[in-house]
């Protein structure tokens, strides 16, 4: 597998006006989680965030929110932000435009968020142009492949710390297959020690 730990390609070239990093001054970063909520992983992630007083953004799929409304409510009432990850987690490059946009809009109605992260980072130009009219398209600039079982948790953790920089928009996953839980506490501790502060979507803005 060819891994790209930075901005998703070719999205970063085709959609330069989307959000990949956060602006502002200081050592500000955004921590986000994709593909939840998950009955095993998400509560543990929330517990770790709560212990550190850190807030994150959860890009949830509408289908899972419908299945676990109480867990979704816990994310919100704990002070975290939510985003839309589509209803069915469709690959935009493999899905007709109308079907894809309908799925995303259904996810938006359930998550009540105008932040949208395309699953897999894959979205066609026509899909993007339709959805950007009513949503903010959020990608990332740091992905340590916590979902990749062929990459050890220690290796994923090292990638995260080595590539971390002011303005980083990080994507991890609150799923059963993610290795993030094995190093999330350690990562947050070290990031705070280095003077980083964790921001929410109000701080999302295009940054170079």
N, C-alpha and C. Protein backbone atom coordinates (compact mmCIF):
# COMPACT_ATOMS: atom_id res chain seq x y z
N UNK A 1 0.84 -1.20 0.00
CA UNK A 1 0.00 0.00 0.00
C UNK A 1 0.87 1.25 0.00
N UNK A 2 0.53 2.18 -0.90
CA UNK A 2 1.21 3.48 -0.92
C UNK A 2 0.47 4.40 0.04
N UNK A 3 1.17 4.89 1.03
CA UNK A 3 0.54 5.72 2.05
C UNK A 3 0.86 7.19 1.84
N UNK A 4 -0.14 8.03 1.99
CA UNK A 4 0.04 9.47 1.94
C UNK A 4 -0.41 10.02 3.27
N UNK A 5 0.53 10.44 4.11
CA UNK A 5 0.20 10.88 5.45
C UNK A 5 -0.26 12.34 5.50
N UNK A 6 -0.15 13.04 4.37
CA UNK A 6 -0.52 14.45 4.33
C UNK A 6 -1.86 14.67 3.66
N UNK A 7 -1.97 15.77 2.96
CA UNK A 7 -3.24 16.11 2.30
C UNK A 7 -3.62 15.02 1.30
N UNK A 8 -4.91 14.69 1.23
CA UNK A 8 -5.34 13.64 0.30
C UNK A 8 -5.10 14.07 -1.15
N UNK A 9 -4.60 13.16 -1.93
CA UNK A 9 -4.35 13.41 -3.35
C UNK A 9 -5.31 12.54 -4.16
N UNK A 10 -5.94 13.09 -5.22
CA UNK A 10 -5.69 14.39 -5.83
C UNK A 10 -6.58 15.52 -5.31
N UNK A 11 -7.35 15.27 -4.25
CA UNK A 11 -8.29 16.28 -3.78
C UNK A 11 -7.61 17.62 -3.51
N UNK A 12 -6.41 17.57 -2.93
CA UNK A 12 -5.73 18.82 -2.58
C UNK A 12 -5.39 19.66 -3.80
N UNK A 13 -5.26 19.01 -4.94
CA UNK A 13 -4.96 19.73 -6.18
C UNK A 13 -6.24 20.21 -6.85
N UNK A 14 -7.26 19.37 -6.84
CA UNK A 14 -8.51 19.69 -7.55
C UNK A 14 -9.37 20.68 -6.76
N UNK A 15 -9.32 20.59 -5.42
CA UNK A 15 -10.18 21.42 -4.58
C UNK A 15 -9.33 22.25 -3.61
N UNK A 16 -8.56 23.19 -4.11
CA UNK A 16 -7.69 23.97 -3.24
C UNK A 16 -8.43 24.87 -2.25
N UNK A 17 -9.74 25.11 -2.52
CA UNK A 17 -10.51 25.99 -1.65
C UNK A 17 -11.17 25.23 -0.50
N UNK A 18 -11.00 23.91 -0.44
CA UNK A 18 -11.53 23.15 0.69
C UNK A 18 -10.64 23.38 1.91
N UNK A 19 -11.05 22.85 3.05
CA UNK A 19 -10.30 23.05 4.29
C UNK A 19 -9.40 21.84 4.54
N UNK A 20 -8.11 22.11 4.68
CA UNK A 20 -7.12 21.07 4.97
C UNK A 20 -6.38 21.34 6.27
N UNK A 21 -6.27 22.60 6.63
CA UNK A 21 -5.58 23.02 7.84
C UNK A 21 -6.40 24.13 8.49
N UNK A 22 -6.01 24.54 9.67
CA UNK A 22 -6.70 25.65 10.32
C UNK A 22 -5.79 26.86 10.36
N UNK A 23 -6.43 28.01 10.26
CA UNK A 23 -5.68 29.25 10.29
C UNK A 23 -5.48 29.75 11.71
N UNK A 24 -5.01 30.98 11.81
CA UNK A 24 -4.78 31.58 13.12
C UNK A 24 -3.34 31.49 13.54
N UNK A 25 -3.06 32.06 14.68
CA UNK A 25 -1.69 32.08 15.18
C UNK A 25 -1.55 31.12 16.37
N UNK A 26 -0.32 30.82 16.70
CA UNK A 26 -0.06 29.94 17.84
C UNK A 26 -0.05 28.48 17.43
N UNK A 27 0.12 27.62 18.42
CA UNK A 27 0.23 26.18 18.19
C UNK A 27 -1.16 25.54 18.31
N UNK A 28 -1.99 25.87 17.33
CA UNK A 28 -3.37 25.40 17.32
C UNK A 28 -3.49 24.20 16.38
N UNK A 29 -4.20 23.17 16.83
CA UNK A 29 -4.44 21.99 16.01
C UNK A 29 -5.89 21.55 16.18
N UNK A 30 -6.38 20.78 15.24
CA UNK A 30 -7.72 20.20 15.32
C UNK A 30 -7.61 18.68 15.28
N UNK A 31 -8.26 18.02 16.21
CA UNK A 31 -8.30 16.57 16.28
C UNK A 31 -9.69 16.11 15.86
N UNK A 32 -9.74 15.24 14.86
CA UNK A 32 -11.03 14.77 14.36
C UNK A 32 -11.05 13.25 14.32
N UNK A 33 -12.26 12.71 14.40
CA UNK A 33 -12.46 11.26 14.34
C UNK A 33 -13.51 10.94 13.28
N UNK A 34 -13.25 9.94 12.47
CA UNK A 34 -14.15 9.54 11.40
C UNK A 34 -14.78 8.18 11.66
N UNK A 35 -15.94 7.96 11.02
CA UNK A 35 -16.58 6.64 10.85
C UNK A 35 -17.41 6.18 12.03
N UNK A 36 -17.49 6.94 13.11
CA UNK A 36 -18.31 6.52 14.24
C UNK A 36 -19.74 7.00 14.09
N UNK A 37 -20.50 6.93 15.20
CA UNK A 37 -20.06 6.42 16.50
C UNK A 37 -20.01 4.90 16.54
N UNK A 38 -19.10 4.39 17.37
CA UNK A 38 -18.90 2.96 17.53
C UNK A 38 -19.13 2.61 19.00
N UNK A 39 -19.90 1.56 19.29
CA UNK A 39 -20.27 1.27 20.68
C UNK A 39 -19.09 0.92 21.58
N UNK A 40 -17.99 0.42 21.02
CA UNK A 40 -16.83 0.06 21.83
C UNK A 40 -15.79 1.17 21.86
N UNK A 41 -15.47 1.71 20.69
CA UNK A 41 -14.36 2.67 20.59
C UNK A 41 -14.74 4.07 21.04
N UNK A 42 -15.89 4.57 20.59
CA UNK A 42 -16.24 5.97 20.85
C UNK A 42 -16.31 6.31 22.34
N UNK A 43 -16.93 5.49 23.19
CA UNK A 43 -16.94 5.84 24.62
C UNK A 43 -15.54 5.93 25.22
N UNK A 44 -14.65 5.09 24.78
CA UNK A 44 -13.28 5.12 25.30
C UNK A 44 -12.55 6.36 24.82
N UNK A 45 -12.78 6.74 23.57
CA UNK A 45 -12.19 7.98 23.05
C UNK A 45 -12.71 9.16 23.87
N UNK A 46 -14.00 9.20 24.10
CA UNK A 46 -14.59 10.29 24.87
C UNK A 46 -14.03 10.36 26.28
N UNK A 47 -13.80 9.22 26.89
CA UNK A 47 -13.23 9.19 28.24
C UNK A 47 -11.83 9.81 28.26
N UNK A 48 -11.02 9.47 27.26
CA UNK A 48 -9.66 10.01 27.18
C UNK A 48 -9.69 11.52 26.96
N UNK A 49 -10.53 11.97 26.04
CA UNK A 49 -10.64 13.40 25.78
C UNK A 49 -11.09 14.15 27.02
N UNK A 50 -12.04 13.56 27.74
CA UNK A 50 -12.56 14.20 28.95
C UNK A 50 -11.48 14.32 30.02
N UNK A 51 -10.66 13.31 30.17
CA UNK A 51 -9.61 13.36 31.19
C UNK A 51 -8.63 14.51 30.94
N UNK A 52 -8.42 14.82 29.66
CA UNK A 52 -7.47 15.87 29.31
C UNK A 52 -8.14 17.23 29.10
N UNK A 53 -9.46 17.27 29.13
CA UNK A 53 -10.16 18.51 28.86
C UNK A 53 -10.00 18.96 27.42
N UNK A 54 -9.87 18.01 26.51
CA UNK A 54 -9.67 18.29 25.09
C UNK A 54 -10.97 18.04 24.33
N UNK A 55 -11.29 18.94 23.41
CA UNK A 55 -12.46 18.76 22.57
C UNK A 55 -12.03 18.42 21.15
N UNK A 56 -12.85 17.59 20.50
CA UNK A 56 -12.54 17.12 19.15
C UNK A 56 -13.79 17.23 18.29
N UNK A 57 -13.64 16.89 17.02
CA UNK A 57 -14.75 16.88 16.08
C UNK A 57 -14.96 15.46 15.59
N UNK A 58 -16.20 14.99 15.66
CA UNK A 58 -16.53 13.63 15.24
C UNK A 58 -17.34 13.68 13.95
N UNK A 59 -16.73 13.19 12.87
CA UNK A 59 -17.43 13.10 11.59
C UNK A 59 -18.15 11.75 11.55
N UNK A 60 -19.45 11.79 11.76
CA UNK A 60 -20.25 10.59 11.95
C UNK A 60 -21.03 10.23 10.69
N UNK A 61 -21.27 8.94 10.52
CA UNK A 61 -22.15 8.50 9.44
C UNK A 61 -23.59 8.49 9.95
N UNK A 62 -24.50 8.92 9.11
CA UNK A 62 -25.89 9.00 9.52
C UNK A 62 -26.47 7.67 9.95
N UNK A 63 -26.07 6.61 9.27
CA UNK A 63 -26.60 5.28 9.61
C UNK A 63 -26.22 4.88 11.03
N UNK A 64 -24.98 5.15 11.43
CA UNK A 64 -24.54 4.79 12.77
C UNK A 64 -25.16 5.69 13.83
N UNK A 65 -25.38 6.94 13.49
CA UNK A 65 -26.06 7.84 14.42
C UNK A 65 -27.48 7.33 14.69
N UNK A 66 -28.16 6.90 13.65
CA UNK A 66 -29.51 6.36 13.84
C UNK A 66 -29.49 5.11 14.71
N UNK A 67 -28.45 4.30 14.58
CA UNK A 67 -28.35 3.07 15.36
C UNK A 67 -27.97 3.34 16.81
N UNK A 68 -27.22 4.44 17.04
CA UNK A 68 -26.71 4.73 18.38
C UNK A 68 -26.98 6.19 18.76
N UNK A 69 -28.24 6.58 18.83
CA UNK A 69 -28.55 7.99 19.11
C UNK A 69 -28.07 8.44 20.48
N UNK A 70 -28.07 7.56 21.46
CA UNK A 70 -27.61 7.94 22.78
C UNK A 70 -26.13 8.26 22.81
N UNK A 71 -25.35 7.49 22.07
CA UNK A 71 -23.91 7.74 22.01
C UNK A 71 -23.62 9.03 21.25
N UNK A 72 -24.38 9.28 20.20
CA UNK A 72 -24.22 10.54 19.48
C UNK A 72 -24.55 11.72 20.40
N UNK A 73 -25.60 11.56 21.20
CA UNK A 73 -25.96 12.61 22.15
C UNK A 73 -24.86 12.84 23.17
N UNK A 74 -24.17 11.77 23.56
CA UNK A 74 -23.08 11.93 24.52
C UNK A 74 -21.94 12.76 23.90
N UNK A 75 -21.65 12.53 22.61
CA UNK A 75 -20.62 13.32 21.94
C UNK A 75 -20.96 14.81 22.04
N UNK A 76 -22.20 15.12 21.73
CA UNK A 76 -22.62 16.52 21.71
C UNK A 76 -22.63 17.13 23.11
N UNK A 77 -23.21 16.42 24.06
CA UNK A 77 -23.33 16.97 25.42
C UNK A 77 -21.98 17.05 26.13
N UNK A 78 -20.98 16.32 25.63
CA UNK A 78 -19.64 16.40 26.20
C UNK A 78 -18.85 17.61 25.69
N UNK A 79 -19.47 18.38 24.80
CA UNK A 79 -18.84 19.60 24.32
C UNK A 79 -18.05 19.45 23.04
N UNK A 80 -18.18 18.30 22.39
CA UNK A 80 -17.46 18.09 21.14
C UNK A 80 -18.31 18.56 19.96
N UNK A 81 -17.66 18.76 18.83
CA UNK A 81 -18.37 19.14 17.62
C UNK A 81 -18.65 17.90 16.78
N UNK A 82 -19.64 17.99 15.94
CA UNK A 82 -19.97 16.87 15.05
C UNK A 82 -19.93 17.34 13.60
N UNK A 83 -19.64 16.39 12.74
CA UNK A 83 -19.63 16.64 11.31
C UNK A 83 -20.32 15.50 10.59
N UNK A 84 -20.59 15.71 9.34
CA UNK A 84 -21.30 14.75 8.49
C UNK A 84 -20.28 13.95 7.68
N UNK A 85 -20.38 12.63 7.75
CA UNK A 85 -19.51 11.75 6.98
C UNK A 85 -20.33 10.92 6.00
N UNK A 86 -21.46 11.53 5.59
CA UNK A 86 -22.39 10.84 4.72
C UNK A 86 -23.29 9.91 5.51
N UNK A 87 -24.35 9.46 4.88
CA UNK A 87 -25.23 8.51 5.55
C UNK A 87 -24.67 7.09 5.48
N UNK A 88 -24.15 6.72 4.31
CA UNK A 88 -23.73 5.33 4.09
C UNK A 88 -22.24 5.16 3.84
N UNK A 89 -21.45 6.25 4.01
CA UNK A 89 -19.99 6.17 3.81
C UNK A 89 -19.66 5.71 2.39
N UNK A 90 -20.20 6.43 1.41
CA UNK A 90 -20.00 6.08 0.01
C UNK A 90 -18.70 6.65 -0.54
N UNK A 91 -18.14 5.94 -1.49
CA UNK A 91 -16.97 6.41 -2.23
C UNK A 91 -17.47 7.25 -3.39
N UNK A 92 -17.17 8.54 -3.38
CA UNK A 92 -17.68 9.44 -4.41
C UNK A 92 -17.27 9.08 -5.81
N UNK A 93 -16.09 8.50 -5.96
CA UNK A 93 -15.60 8.16 -7.29
C UNK A 93 -16.31 6.95 -7.87
N UNK A 94 -17.00 6.19 -7.02
CA UNK A 94 -17.68 4.97 -7.47
C UNK A 94 -19.20 5.11 -7.42
N UNK A 95 -19.68 6.31 -7.12
CA UNK A 95 -21.11 6.51 -6.91
C UNK A 95 -21.64 7.60 -7.84
N UNK A 96 -22.77 7.38 -8.51
CA UNK A 96 -23.35 8.43 -9.36
C UNK A 96 -23.59 9.71 -8.56
N UNK A 97 -23.51 10.83 -9.25
CA UNK A 97 -23.59 12.14 -8.60
C UNK A 97 -24.86 12.29 -7.78
N UNK A 98 -26.01 11.99 -8.37
CA UNK A 98 -27.27 12.20 -7.66
C UNK A 98 -27.37 11.31 -6.43
N UNK A 99 -26.99 10.06 -6.56
CA UNK A 99 -27.05 9.13 -5.42
C UNK A 99 -26.12 9.57 -4.30
N UNK A 100 -24.93 10.00 -4.69
CA UNK A 100 -23.94 10.42 -3.68
C UNK A 100 -24.43 11.66 -2.93
N UNK A 101 -24.87 12.66 -3.67
CA UNK A 101 -25.31 13.90 -3.02
C UNK A 101 -26.53 13.67 -2.15
N UNK A 102 -27.44 12.81 -2.59
CA UNK A 102 -28.61 12.49 -1.79
C UNK A 102 -28.20 11.82 -0.47
N UNK A 103 -27.22 10.94 -0.54
CA UNK A 103 -26.72 10.26 0.66
C UNK A 103 -26.08 11.25 1.62
N UNK A 104 -25.29 12.17 1.09
CA UNK A 104 -24.63 13.16 1.94
C UNK A 104 -25.65 14.09 2.59
N UNK A 105 -26.64 14.52 1.83
CA UNK A 105 -27.66 15.40 2.39
C UNK A 105 -28.49 14.69 3.46
N UNK A 106 -28.71 13.41 3.27
CA UNK A 106 -29.40 12.63 4.30
C UNK A 106 -28.56 12.57 5.58
N UNK A 107 -27.25 12.39 5.41
CA UNK A 107 -26.35 12.40 6.56
C UNK A 107 -26.35 13.75 7.25
N UNK A 108 -26.41 14.82 6.48
CA UNK A 108 -26.44 16.17 7.06
C UNK A 108 -27.69 16.37 7.90
N UNK A 109 -28.83 15.89 7.42
CA UNK A 109 -30.07 16.06 8.16
C UNK A 109 -30.03 15.33 9.49
N UNK A 110 -29.34 14.21 9.54
CA UNK A 110 -29.29 13.40 10.77
C UNK A 110 -28.25 13.94 11.74
N UNK A 111 -27.08 14.35 11.23
CA UNK A 111 -26.02 14.86 12.11
C UNK A 111 -26.22 16.33 12.45
N UNK A 112 -27.09 17.00 11.70
CA UNK A 112 -27.37 18.44 11.91
C UNK A 112 -26.08 19.26 11.83
N UNK A 113 -25.23 18.93 10.87
CA UNK A 113 -23.96 19.63 10.71
C UNK A 113 -23.74 19.98 9.25
N UNK A 114 -23.23 21.20 9.02
CA UNK A 114 -22.90 21.59 7.66
C UNK A 114 -21.42 21.37 7.35
N UNK A 115 -20.72 20.68 8.26
CA UNK A 115 -19.35 20.26 7.98
C UNK A 115 -19.41 18.89 7.33
N UNK A 116 -18.77 18.73 6.19
CA UNK A 116 -18.80 17.44 5.50
C UNK A 116 -17.39 16.98 5.16
N UNK A 117 -17.06 15.77 5.57
CA UNK A 117 -15.79 15.14 5.17
C UNK A 117 -16.10 13.99 4.23
N UNK A 118 -15.65 14.05 2.99
CA UNK A 118 -15.91 12.97 2.04
C UNK A 118 -15.24 11.67 2.49
N UNK A 119 -16.00 10.59 2.61
CA UNK A 119 -15.38 9.30 2.95
C UNK A 119 -14.26 8.96 1.98
N UNK A 120 -13.17 8.45 2.52
CA UNK A 120 -11.97 8.10 1.76
C UNK A 120 -11.28 9.33 1.15
N UNK A 121 -11.83 10.51 1.35
CA UNK A 121 -11.29 11.70 0.71
C UNK A 121 -11.54 11.72 -0.78
N UNK A 122 -12.54 10.97 -1.23
CA UNK A 122 -12.79 10.82 -2.67
C UNK A 122 -14.15 11.40 -3.03
N UNK A 123 -14.11 12.37 -3.92
CA UNK A 123 -15.33 13.06 -4.33
C UNK A 123 -15.12 13.64 -5.73
N UNK A 124 -16.13 13.51 -6.58
CA UNK A 124 -16.04 14.04 -7.94
C UNK A 124 -16.25 15.55 -7.95
N UNK A 125 -15.79 16.17 -9.01
CA UNK A 125 -15.90 17.63 -9.12
C UNK A 125 -17.36 18.06 -9.07
N UNK A 126 -18.23 17.38 -9.80
CA UNK A 126 -19.64 17.76 -9.82
C UNK A 126 -20.26 17.59 -8.44
N UNK A 127 -19.94 16.53 -7.75
CA UNK A 127 -20.44 16.31 -6.40
C UNK A 127 -19.98 17.43 -5.47
N UNK A 128 -18.71 17.75 -5.58
CA UNK A 128 -18.13 18.79 -4.73
C UNK A 128 -18.83 20.13 -4.96
N UNK A 129 -19.02 20.49 -6.22
CA UNK A 129 -19.62 21.78 -6.54
C UNK A 129 -21.06 21.88 -6.05
N UNK A 130 -21.79 20.79 -6.07
CA UNK A 130 -23.15 20.80 -5.56
C UNK A 130 -23.16 20.95 -4.04
N UNK A 131 -22.33 20.17 -3.37
CA UNK A 131 -22.36 20.12 -1.91
C UNK A 131 -21.74 21.34 -1.26
N UNK A 132 -20.79 21.98 -1.94
CA UNK A 132 -20.15 23.14 -1.33
C UNK A 132 -21.10 24.33 -1.22
N UNK A 133 -22.22 24.27 -1.92
CA UNK A 133 -23.19 25.36 -1.86
C UNK A 133 -23.81 25.47 -0.46
N UNK A 134 -23.90 24.36 0.24
CA UNK A 134 -24.56 24.37 1.55
C UNK A 134 -23.70 23.79 2.66
N UNK A 135 -22.50 23.32 2.34
CA UNK A 135 -21.65 22.70 3.35
C UNK A 135 -20.21 23.14 3.22
N UNK A 136 -19.49 23.04 4.32
CA UNK A 136 -18.05 23.30 4.32
C UNK A 136 -17.35 21.95 4.17
N UNK A 137 -16.56 21.81 3.12
CA UNK A 137 -15.90 20.54 2.83
C UNK A 137 -14.57 20.51 3.58
N UNK A 138 -14.42 19.53 4.45
CA UNK A 138 -13.27 19.44 5.35
C UNK A 138 -12.49 18.17 5.05
N UNK A 139 -11.24 18.33 4.65
CA UNK A 139 -10.35 17.18 4.47
C UNK A 139 -9.42 17.10 5.68
N UNK A 140 -8.14 17.02 5.46
CA UNK A 140 -7.16 16.92 6.55
C UNK A 140 -5.77 17.18 5.99
N UNK A 141 -4.79 17.35 6.87
CA UNK A 141 -3.41 17.42 6.39
C UNK A 141 -2.50 16.46 7.16
N UNK A 142 -3.12 15.63 8.04
CA UNK A 142 -2.32 14.66 8.77
C UNK A 142 -3.17 13.43 9.09
N UNK A 143 -2.79 12.32 8.47
CA UNK A 143 -3.47 11.05 8.71
C UNK A 143 -2.42 9.98 8.99
N UNK A 144 -2.35 9.46 10.21
CA UNK A 144 -1.32 8.48 10.56
C UNK A 144 -1.71 7.03 10.28
N UNK A 145 -2.76 6.82 9.50
CA UNK A 145 -3.17 5.47 9.08
C UNK A 145 -3.43 4.56 10.28
N UNK A 146 -4.16 5.07 11.25
CA UNK A 146 -4.52 4.25 12.40
C UNK A 146 -5.47 3.11 12.02
N UNK A 147 -6.08 3.18 10.83
CA UNK A 147 -7.00 2.14 10.37
C UNK A 147 -6.29 1.00 9.66
N UNK A 148 -5.00 1.14 9.40
CA UNK A 148 -4.23 0.18 8.60
C UNK A 148 -3.62 -0.88 9.53
N UNK A 149 -4.12 -2.09 9.48
CA UNK A 149 -3.65 -3.14 10.38
C UNK A 149 -2.23 -3.58 10.08
N UNK A 150 -1.71 -3.24 8.90
CA UNK A 150 -0.34 -3.61 8.57
C UNK A 150 0.68 -2.62 9.12
N UNK A 151 0.19 -1.52 9.71
CA UNK A 151 1.06 -0.52 10.32
C UNK A 151 0.91 -0.63 11.84
N UNK A 152 2.00 -0.81 12.54
CA UNK A 152 1.92 -1.00 13.99
C UNK A 152 1.43 0.27 14.68
N UNK A 153 0.81 0.14 15.84
CA UNK A 153 0.39 1.33 16.59
C UNK A 153 1.55 2.26 16.89
N UNK A 154 2.72 1.71 17.21
CA UNK A 154 3.88 2.55 17.49
C UNK A 154 4.30 3.34 16.26
N UNK A 155 4.26 2.70 15.10
CA UNK A 155 4.63 3.40 13.86
C UNK A 155 3.63 4.50 13.55
N UNK A 156 2.35 4.21 13.73
CA UNK A 156 1.32 5.22 13.50
C UNK A 156 1.49 6.39 14.45
N UNK A 157 1.79 6.10 15.71
CA UNK A 157 2.01 7.15 16.70
C UNK A 157 3.20 8.02 16.34
N UNK A 158 4.27 7.40 15.88
CA UNK A 158 5.48 8.16 15.49
C UNK A 158 5.17 9.09 14.32
N UNK A 159 4.44 8.59 13.35
CA UNK A 159 4.07 9.42 12.19
C UNK A 159 3.29 10.65 12.66
N UNK A 160 2.36 10.43 13.57
CA UNK A 160 1.54 11.52 14.08
C UNK A 160 2.39 12.59 14.76
N UNK A 161 3.30 12.19 15.63
CA UNK A 161 4.11 13.16 16.36
C UNK A 161 5.14 13.83 15.46
N UNK A 162 5.73 13.07 14.54
CA UNK A 162 6.77 13.63 13.69
C UNK A 162 6.23 14.64 12.70
N UNK A 163 4.99 14.46 12.26
CA UNK A 163 4.41 15.35 11.25
C UNK A 163 3.52 16.44 11.84
N UNK A 164 3.31 16.39 13.15
CA UNK A 164 2.47 17.40 13.79
C UNK A 164 3.11 18.78 13.68
N UNK A 165 2.29 19.79 13.37
CA UNK A 165 2.78 21.17 13.26
C UNK A 165 1.61 22.11 13.55
N UNK A 166 1.89 23.36 13.85
CA UNK A 166 0.80 24.31 14.07
C UNK A 166 -0.14 24.35 12.87
N UNK A 167 -1.43 24.30 13.13
CA UNK A 167 -2.42 24.30 12.06
C UNK A 167 -2.84 22.93 11.59
N UNK A 168 -2.22 21.88 12.13
CA UNK A 168 -2.55 20.52 11.67
C UNK A 168 -4.02 20.19 11.92
N UNK A 169 -4.62 19.59 10.92
CA UNK A 169 -5.97 19.05 11.02
C UNK A 169 -5.82 17.54 10.92
N UNK A 170 -5.98 16.87 12.05
CA UNK A 170 -5.65 15.45 12.19
C UNK A 170 -6.91 14.60 12.04
N UNK A 171 -6.78 13.48 11.32
CA UNK A 171 -7.90 12.54 11.25
C UNK A 171 -7.48 11.20 11.83
N UNK A 172 -8.24 10.78 12.84
CA UNK A 172 -8.15 9.43 13.40
C UNK A 172 -9.53 8.79 13.25
N UNK A 173 -9.69 7.59 13.76
CA UNK A 173 -10.95 6.88 13.59
C UNK A 173 -11.42 6.29 14.91
N UNK A 174 -12.69 6.49 15.23
CA UNK A 174 -13.26 5.85 16.42
C UNK A 174 -14.04 4.61 15.96
N UNK A 175 -13.25 3.60 15.58
CA UNK A 175 -13.78 2.33 15.11
C UNK A 175 -13.05 1.20 15.82
N UNK A 176 -13.64 0.02 15.76
CA UNK A 176 -13.04 -1.13 16.43
C UNK A 176 -11.70 -1.51 15.83
N UNK A 177 -11.49 -1.24 14.55
CA UNK A 177 -10.27 -1.65 13.88
C UNK A 177 -9.14 -0.62 14.00
N UNK A 178 -9.43 0.55 14.55
CA UNK A 178 -8.41 1.60 14.65
C UNK A 178 -7.44 1.31 15.78
N UNK A 179 -6.18 1.67 15.56
CA UNK A 179 -5.15 1.54 16.60
C UNK A 179 -5.02 2.81 17.43
N UNK A 180 -5.81 3.83 17.13
CA UNK A 180 -5.65 5.14 17.78
C UNK A 180 -5.80 5.06 19.29
N UNK A 181 -6.68 4.20 19.77
CA UNK A 181 -6.88 4.11 21.22
C UNK A 181 -5.62 3.68 21.96
N UNK A 182 -4.73 3.00 21.26
CA UNK A 182 -3.51 2.51 21.91
C UNK A 182 -2.49 3.62 22.15
N UNK A 183 -2.68 4.77 21.49
CA UNK A 183 -1.71 5.87 21.70
C UNK A 183 -2.36 7.24 21.86
N UNK A 184 -3.69 7.30 21.85
CA UNK A 184 -4.36 8.59 21.93
C UNK A 184 -4.01 9.34 23.21
N UNK A 185 -4.05 8.67 24.34
CA UNK A 185 -3.73 9.32 25.60
C UNK A 185 -2.30 9.86 25.59
N UNK A 186 -1.38 9.06 25.10
CA UNK A 186 0.03 9.46 25.04
C UNK A 186 0.22 10.64 24.09
N UNK A 187 -0.48 10.60 22.96
CA UNK A 187 -0.36 11.70 21.99
C UNK A 187 -0.86 13.01 22.58
N UNK A 188 -2.03 12.99 23.19
CA UNK A 188 -2.58 14.23 23.75
C UNK A 188 -1.67 14.78 24.84
N UNK A 189 -1.17 13.89 25.69
CA UNK A 189 -0.26 14.33 26.76
C UNK A 189 0.95 15.04 26.19
N UNK A 190 1.55 14.46 25.16
CA UNK A 190 2.75 15.05 24.58
C UNK A 190 2.43 16.33 23.83
N UNK A 191 1.32 16.37 23.10
CA UNK A 191 0.94 17.57 22.37
C UNK A 191 0.71 18.73 23.33
N UNK A 192 0.03 18.48 24.43
CA UNK A 192 -0.19 19.53 25.43
C UNK A 192 1.12 19.97 26.06
N UNK A 193 2.01 19.02 26.29
CA UNK A 193 3.32 19.36 26.86
C UNK A 193 4.10 20.28 25.94
N UNK A 194 3.93 20.10 24.63
CA UNK A 194 4.63 20.92 23.65
C UNK A 194 3.92 22.25 23.40
N UNK A 195 2.84 22.49 24.10
CA UNK A 195 2.17 23.78 24.00
C UNK A 195 1.08 23.87 22.96
N UNK A 196 0.64 22.74 22.42
CA UNK A 196 -0.45 22.76 21.45
C UNK A 196 -1.79 22.92 22.15
N UNK A 197 -2.72 23.57 21.48
CA UNK A 197 -4.09 23.68 21.96
C UNK A 197 -5.01 23.10 20.91
N UNK A 198 -6.06 22.44 21.36
CA UNK A 198 -6.98 21.73 20.48
C UNK A 198 -8.20 22.59 20.21
N UNK A 199 -8.48 22.82 18.93
CA UNK A 199 -9.53 23.74 18.53
C UNK A 199 -10.72 22.99 17.93
N UNK A 200 -11.85 23.71 17.79
CA UNK A 200 -13.07 23.17 17.21
C UNK A 200 -13.38 23.85 15.88
N UNK A 201 -14.44 23.44 15.16
CA UNK A 201 -14.68 23.91 13.79
C UNK A 201 -14.78 25.40 13.59
N UNK A 202 -15.11 26.17 14.62
CA UNK A 202 -15.16 27.61 14.43
C UNK A 202 -13.80 28.13 13.95
N UNK A 203 -12.78 27.36 14.17
CA UNK A 203 -11.43 27.79 13.80
C UNK A 203 -11.00 27.21 12.46
N UNK A 204 -11.87 26.42 11.83
CA UNK A 204 -11.54 25.89 10.53
C UNK A 204 -11.56 27.02 9.52
N UNK A 205 -10.49 27.21 8.82
CA UNK A 205 -10.43 28.18 7.73
C UNK A 205 -9.25 27.79 6.86
N UNK A 206 -9.31 28.11 5.58
CA UNK A 206 -8.20 27.73 4.72
C UNK A 206 -6.88 28.29 5.24
N UNK A 207 -5.89 27.47 5.26
CA UNK A 207 -4.55 27.89 5.71
C UNK A 207 -3.53 27.18 4.86
N UNK A 208 -2.41 27.81 4.62
CA UNK A 208 -1.37 27.21 3.80
C UNK A 208 -0.41 26.43 4.67
